[in-house]
Protein backbone atom coordinates (compact mmCIF):
# COMPACT_ATOMS: atom_id res chain seq x y z
CA MET A 1 58.06 -183.84 55.18
CA LYS A 2 54.68 -184.85 55.93
CA LYS A 3 51.95 -182.52 53.95
CA PRO A 4 49.21 -181.46 56.04
CA ASN A 5 45.75 -182.30 53.59
CA TYR A 6 42.19 -181.85 55.33
CA ASP A 7 40.01 -183.86 57.02
CA LEU A 8 36.83 -185.03 55.64
CA SER A 9 36.44 -187.93 57.61
CA ARG A 10 33.86 -186.55 59.30
CA LYS A 11 31.19 -186.31 56.53
CA LYS A 12 28.05 -185.39 59.51
CA CYS A 13 27.08 -182.51 61.82
CA HIS A 14 28.25 -182.99 65.49
CA ALA A 15 24.99 -180.83 66.68
CA CYS A 16 22.52 -182.52 64.22
CA GLY A 17 23.60 -185.09 62.69
CA ALA A 18 22.87 -183.70 58.84
CA PRO A 19 25.02 -184.39 56.45
CA ILE A 20 28.07 -181.46 55.95
CA HIS A 21 28.37 -179.16 53.63
CA ARG A 22 31.58 -178.33 52.55
CA ASP A 23 32.80 -175.29 50.43
CA MET A 24 36.78 -175.84 49.40
CA LYS A 25 37.68 -173.09 48.45
CA ARG A 26 36.99 -171.23 51.62
CA GLY A 27 37.99 -174.78 53.45
CA VAL A 28 35.17 -174.01 55.75
CA GLU A 29 31.68 -176.78 55.81
CA PHE A 30 28.31 -175.51 57.34
CA CYS A 31 25.42 -178.13 58.06
CA SER A 32 22.50 -178.75 55.35
CA TYR A 33 19.42 -178.56 58.07
CA PHE A 34 18.16 -174.96 58.14
CA SER A 35 16.72 -176.35 61.66
CA CYS A 36 20.10 -177.06 63.73
CA ARG A 37 21.72 -174.67 66.51
CA ILE A 38 24.79 -174.49 64.66
CA LYS A 39 22.33 -172.77 61.33
CA ASN A 40 24.43 -170.59 58.95
CA VAL A 41 28.41 -170.78 61.90
CA GLU A 42 30.82 -171.90 59.52
CA PHE A 43 33.76 -174.27 60.69
CA THR A 44 37.15 -174.40 59.58
CA ILE A 45 38.18 -177.39 58.11
CA PRO A 46 40.81 -179.49 60.40
CA PHE A 47 43.95 -180.84 58.65
CA VAL A 48 45.51 -184.20 58.94
CA GLN A 49 49.54 -184.88 58.50
CA GLU A 50 49.63 -187.70 55.58
CA GLY A 51 51.50 -189.32 53.56
CA GLU A 52 55.92 -188.22 53.52
CA GLU A 53 56.69 -185.78 50.40
């Protein structure tokens, strides 16, 4: 059975290209650039199915 893992392949904001910060305990990510148009918006980190259990 495949187990879900966080998809950490995206390292930059999709809106402005600044680095993304991640809170792994809550499972959210957010843009680090203070003037980004998605400021203070948190995104759920997507899951991917990897490996065999």
